[in-house]
Amino acid sequence: MFITTQSIQAETAYRRERTKREFRATARTESQERAPKPEPRHARRALRPTHAA
């Protein structure tokens, strides 16, 4: 394989984009983990008959 300045530049640009993408993905999952979890709702609330019936 020939090593040219263009191939080195292309490789470093590719690696930079990959690390950026990985950093964004990990930041997103961490923020989702830190987000407040919704409180569990009572099951009977969903089973209550509607007024339209």
PDB file of N, CA and C in Angstrom:
ATOM      1  N   MET A   1       0.847  -1.187   0.000  1.00  0.00           N
ATOM      2  CA  MET A   1       0.000   0.000   0.000  1.00  0.00           C
ATOM      3  C   MET A   1       0.885   1.240   0.000  1.00  0.00           C
ATOM      4  N   PHE A   2       0.536   2.182  -0.858  1.00  0.00           N
ATOM      5  CA  PHE A   2       1.306   3.415  -0.950  1.00  0.00           C
ATOM      6  C   PHE A   2       0.851   4.401   0.128  1.00  0.00           C
ATOM      7  N   ILE A   3       1.820   5.005   0.786  1.00  0.00           N
ATOM      8  CA  ILE A   3       1.489   6.006   1.794  1.00  0.00           C
ATOM      9  C   ILE A   3       1.815   7.377   1.214  1.00  0.00           C
ATOM     10  N   THR A   4       0.768   8.129   0.958  1.00  0.00           N
ATOM     11  CA  THR A   4       0.933   9.474   0.425  1.00  0.00           C
ATOM     12  C   THR A   4       0.377  10.468   1.437  1.00  0.00           C
ATOM     13  N   THR A   5       0.673  11.723   1.232  1.00  0.00           N
ATOM     14  CA  THR A   5       0.150  12.741   2.147  1.00  0.00           C
ATOM     15  C   THR A   5      -1.371  12.792   2.077  1.00  0.00           C
ATOM     16  N   GLN A   6      -1.926  12.559   0.896  1.00  0.00           N
ATOM     17  CA  GLN A   6      -3.385  12.567   0.761  1.00  0.00           C
ATOM     18  C   GLN A   6      -4.020  11.412   1.522  1.00  0.00           C
ATOM     19  N   SER A   7      -3.408  10.246   1.449  1.00  0.00           N
ATOM     20  CA  SER A   7      -3.981   9.105   2.163  1.00  0.00           C
ATOM     21  C   SER A   7      -3.879   9.296   3.675  1.00  0.00           C
ATOM     22  N   ILE A   8      -2.795   9.914   4.128  1.00  0.00           N
ATOM     23  CA  ILE A   8      -2.641  10.191   5.561  1.00  0.00           C
ATOM     24  C   ILE A   8      -3.685  11.212   6.003  1.00  0.00           C
ATOM     25  N   GLN A   9      -3.897  12.245   5.214  1.00  0.00           N
ATOM     26  CA  GLN A   9      -4.906  13.251   5.551  1.00  0.00           C
ATOM     27  C   GLN A   9      -6.308  12.647   5.566  1.00  0.00           C
ATOM     28  N   ALA A  10      -6.583  11.787   4.603  1.00  0.00           N
ATOM     29  CA  ALA A  10      -7.894  11.146   4.547  1.00  0.00           C
ATOM     30  C   ALA A  10      -8.112  10.256   5.771  1.00  0.00           C
ATOM     31  N   GLU A  11      -7.080   9.524   6.155  1.00  0.00           N
ATOM     32  CA  GLU A  11      -7.174   8.638   7.313  1.00  0.00           C
ATOM     33  C   GLU A  11      -7.400   9.422   8.601  1.00  0.00           C
ATOM     34  N   THR A  12      -6.664  10.516   8.790  1.00  0.00           N
ATOM     35  CA  THR A  12      -6.843  11.311  10.008  1.00  0.00           C
ATOM     36  C   THR A  12      -8.220  11.974  10.032  1.00  0.00           C
ATOM     37  N   ALA A  13      -8.706  12.436   8.882  1.00  0.00           N
ATOM     38  CA  ALA A  13     -10.044  13.033   8.824  1.00  0.00           C
ATOM     39  C   ALA A  13     -11.104  11.992   9.171  1.00  0.00           C
ATOM     40  N   TYR A  14     -10.932  10.780   8.663  1.00  0.00           N
ATOM     41  CA  TYR A  14     -11.871   9.695   8.954  1.00  0.00           C
ATOM     42  C   TYR A  14     -11.864   9.375  10.445  1.00  0.00           C
ATOM     43  N   ARG A  15     -10.689   9.296  11.032  1.00  0.00           N
ATOM     44  CA  ARG A  15     -10.595   8.989  12.471  1.00  0.00           C
ATOM     45  C   ARG A  15     -11.215  10.093  13.316  1.00  0.00           C
ATOM     46  N   ARG A  16     -10.996  11.354  12.914  1.00  0.00           N
ATOM     47  CA  ARG A  16     -11.596  12.476  13.652  1.00  0.00           C
ATOM     48  C   ARG A  16     -13.123  12.403  13.619  1.00  0.00           C
ATOM     49  N   GLU A  17     -13.677  12.130  12.433  1.00  0.00           N
ATOM     50  CA  GLU A  17     -15.137  12.041  12.304  1.00  0.00           C
ATOM     51  C   GLU A  17     -15.675  10.894  13.144  1.00  0.00           C
ATOM     52  N   ARG A  18     -14.941   9.785  13.159  1.00  0.00           N
ATOM     53  CA  ARG A  18     -15.395   8.632  13.947  1.00  0.00           C
ATOM     54  C   ARG A  18     -15.398   8.935  15.434  1.00  0.00           C
ATOM     55  N   THR A  19     -14.348   9.585  15.919  1.00  0.00           N
ATOM     56  CA  THR A  19     -14.303   9.913  17.348  1.00  0.00           C
ATOM     57  C   THR A  19     -15.389  10.928  17.693  1.00  0.00           C
ATOM     58  N   LYS A  20     -15.665  11.871  16.799  1.00  0.00           N
ATOM     59  CA  LYS A  20     -16.742  12.829  17.027  1.00  0.00           C
ATOM     60  C   LYS A  20     -18.082  12.110  17.146  1.00  0.00           C
ATOM     61  N   ARG A  21     -18.329  11.172  16.214  1.00  0.00           N
ATOM     62  CA  ARG A  21     -19.577  10.423  16.221  1.00  0.00           C
ATOM     63  C   ARG A  21     -19.716   9.599  17.493  1.00  0.00           C
ATOM     64  N   GLU A  22     -18.636   8.930  17.894  1.00  0.00           N
ATOM     65  CA  GLU A  22     -18.672   8.111  19.107  1.00  0.00           C
ATOM     66  C   GLU A  22     -18.905   8.983  20.335  1.00  0.00           C
ATOM     67  N   PHE A  23     -18.286  10.150  20.375  1.00  0.00           N
ATOM     68  CA  PHE A  23     -18.454  11.046  21.515  1.00  0.00           C
ATOM     69  C   PHE A  23     -19.899  11.518  21.615  1.00  0.00           C
ATOM     70  N   ARG A  24     -20.499  11.862  20.466  1.00  0.00           N
ATOM     71  CA  ARG A  24     -21.895  12.293  20.459  1.00  0.00           C
ATOM     72  C   ARG A  24     -22.816  11.182  20.935  1.00  0.00           C
ATOM     73  N   ALA A  25     -22.553   9.967  20.486  1.00  0.00           N
ATOM     74  CA  ALA A  25     -23.407   8.834  20.863  1.00  0.00           C
ATOM     75  C   ALA A  25     -23.302   8.545  22.354  1.00  0.00           C
ATOM     76  N   THR A  26     -22.099   8.590  22.927  1.00  0.00           N
ATOM     77  CA  THR A  26     -21.955   8.322  24.359  1.00  0.00           C
ATOM     78  C   THR A  26     -22.568   9.444  25.174  1.00  0.00           C
ATOM     79  N   ALA A  27     -22.441  10.676  24.740  1.00  0.00           N
ATOM     80  CA  ALA A  27     -23.034  11.798  25.460  1.00  0.00           C
ATOM     81  C   ALA A  27     -24.554  11.668  25.464  1.00  0.00           C
ATOM     82  N   ARG A  28     -25.113  11.221  24.355  1.00  0.00           N
ATOM     83  CA  ARG A  28     -26.562  11.057  24.262  1.00  0.00           C
ATOM     84  C   ARG A  28     -27.053   9.975  25.226  1.00  0.00           C
ATOM     85  N   THR A  29     -26.358   8.827  25.271  1.00  0.00           N
ATOM     86  CA  THR A  29     -26.802   7.751  26.158  1.00  0.00           C
ATOM     87  C   THR A  29     -26.631   8.140  27.620  1.00  0.00           C
ATOM     88  N   GLU A  30     -25.567   8.881  27.945  1.00  0.00           N
ATOM     89  CA  GLU A  30     -25.364   9.316  29.324  1.00  0.00           C
ATOM     90  C   GLU A  30     -26.444  10.295  29.743  1.00  0.00           C
ATOM     91  N   SER A  31     -26.847  11.200  28.859  1.00  0.00           N
ATOM     92  CA  SER A  31     -27.885  12.168  29.213  1.00  0.00           C
ATOM     93  C   SER A  31     -29.228  11.458  29.388  1.00  0.00           C
ATOM     94  N   GLN A  32     -29.477  10.411  28.621  1.00  0.00           N
ATOM     95  CA  GLN A  32     -30.715   9.659  28.784  1.00  0.00           C
ATOM     96  C   GLN A  32     -30.723   8.925  30.122  1.00  0.00           C
ATOM     97  N   GLU A  33     -29.559   8.430  30.551  1.00  0.00           N
ATOM     98  CA  GLU A  33     -29.483   7.741  31.832  1.00  0.00           C
ATOM     99  C   GLU A  33     -29.717   8.707  32.985  1.00  0.00           C
ATOM    100  N   ARG A  34     -29.227   9.947  32.844  1.00  0.00           N
ATOM    101  CA  ARG A  34     -29.363  10.927  33.919  1.00  0.00           C
ATOM    102  C   ARG A  34     -30.742  11.581  33.946  1.00  0.00           C
ATOM    103  N   ALA A  35     -31.505  11.444  32.877  1.00  0.00           N
ATOM    104  CA  ALA A  35     -32.817  12.086  32.802  1.00  0.00           C
ATOM    105  C   ALA A  35     -33.751  11.488  33.851  1.00  0.00           C
ATOM    106  N   PRO A  36     -34.632  12.309  34.427  1.00  0.00           N
ATOM    107  CA  PRO A  36     -35.554  11.775  35.442  1.00  0.00           C
ATOM    108  C   PRO A  36     -36.507  10.760  34.828  1.00  0.00           C
ATOM    109  N   LYS A  37     -36.681   9.667  35.498  1.00  0.00           N
ATOM    110  CA  LYS A  37     -37.558   8.604  35.008  1.00  0.00           C
ATOM    111  C   LYS A  37     -39.011   8.961  35.335  1.00  0.00           C
ATOM    112  N   PRO A  38     -39.937   8.687  34.429  1.00  0.00           N
ATOM    113  CA  PRO A  38     -41.340   8.964  34.730  1.00  0.00           C
ATOM    114  C   PRO A  38     -41.835   8.028  35.836  1.00  0.00           C
ATOM    115  N   GLU A  39     -42.721   8.561  36.670  1.00  0.00           N
ATOM    116  CA  GLU A  39     -43.246   7.746  37.764  1.00  0.00           C
ATOM    117  C   GLU A  39     -44.204   6.699  37.197  1.00  0.00           C
ATOM    118  N   PRO A  40     -44.216   5.499  37.768  1.00  0.00           N
ATOM    119  CA  PRO A  40     -45.138   4.468  37.267  1.00  0.00           C
ATOM    120  C   PRO A  40     -46.588   4.867  37.534  1.00  0.00           C
ATOM    121  N   ARG A  41     -47.428   4.668  36.555  1.00  0.00           N
ATOM    122  CA  ARG A  41     -48.839   5.032  36.682  1.00  0.00           C
ATOM    123  C   ARG A  41     -49.616   3.830  37.207  1.00  0.00           C
ATOM    124  N   HIS A  42     -50.732   4.091  37.819  1.00  0.00           N
ATOM    125  CA  HIS A  42     -51.567   3.015  38.321  1.00  0.00           C
ATOM    126  C   HIS A  42     -52.249   2.307  37.160  1.00  0.00           C
ATOM    127  N   ALA A  43     -52.325   0.988  37.226  1.00  0.00           N
ATOM    128  CA  ALA A  43     -52.919   0.216  36.142  1.00  0.00           C
ATOM    129  C   ALA A  43     -54.420   0.445  36.053  1.00  0.00           C
ATOM    130  N   ARG A  44     -55.073   0.719  37.180  1.00  0.00           N
ATOM    131  CA  ARG A  44     -56.522   0.905  37.169  1.00  0.00           C
ATOM    132  C   ARG A  44     -56.924   2.146  36.386  1.00  0.00           C
ATOM    133  N   ARG A  45     -56.043   3.130  36.309  1.00  0.00           N
ATOM    134  CA  ARG A  45     -56.357   4.353  35.580  1.00  0.00           C
ATOM    135  C   ARG A  45     -56.628   4.047  34.110  1.00  0.00           C
ATOM    136  N   ALA A  46     -55.881   3.112  33.543  1.00  0.00           N
ATOM    137  CA  ALA A  46     -56.055   2.765  32.138  1.00  0.00           C
ATOM    138  C   ALA A  46     -57.312   1.922  31.934  1.00  0.00           C
ATOM    139  N   LEU A  47     -57.764   1.204  32.953  1.00  0.00           N
ATOM    140  CA  LEU A  47     -58.915   0.316  32.812  1.00  0.00           C
ATOM    141  C   LEU A  47     -60.246   0.992  33.149  1.00  0.00           C
ATOM    142  N   ARG A  48     -60.212   2.222  33.627  1.00  0.00           N
ATOM    143  CA  ARG A  48     -61.433   2.930  34.009  1.00  0.00           C
ATOM    144  C   ARG A  48     -62.317   3.162  32.787  1.00  0.00           C
ATOM    145  N   PRO A  49     -63.626   2.954  32.886  1.00  0.00           N
ATOM    146  CA  PRO A  49     -64.495   3.186  31.718  1.00  0.00           C
ATOM    147  C   PRO A  49     -64.569   4.669  31.387  1.00  0.00           C
ATOM    148  N   THR A  50     -64.738   4.963  30.124  1.00  0.00           N
ATOM    149  CA  THR A  50     -64.811   6.360  29.689  1.00  0.00           C
ATOM    150  C   THR A  50     -66.224   6.882  29.872  1.00  0.00           C
ATOM    151  N   HIS A  51     -66.387   8.194  29.877  1.00  0.00           N
ATOM    152  CA  HIS A  51     -67.698   8.811  30.044  1.00  0.00           C
ATOM    153  C   HIS A  51     -68.514   8.744  28.759  1.00  0.00           C
ATOM    154  N   ALA A  52     -67.866   8.516  27.640  1.00  0.00           N
ATOM    155  CA  ALA A  52     -68.580   8.502  26.364  1.00  0.00           C
ATOM    156  C   ALA A  52     -69.391   7.224  26.183  1.00  0.00           C
ATOM    157  N   ALA A  53     -69.109   6.209  26.965  1.00  0.00           N
ATOM    158  CA  ALA A  53     -69.790   4.919  26.794  1.00  0.00           C
ATOM    159  C   ALA A  53     -71.225   4.932  27.273  1.00  0.00           C
TER     160      ALA A  53
END
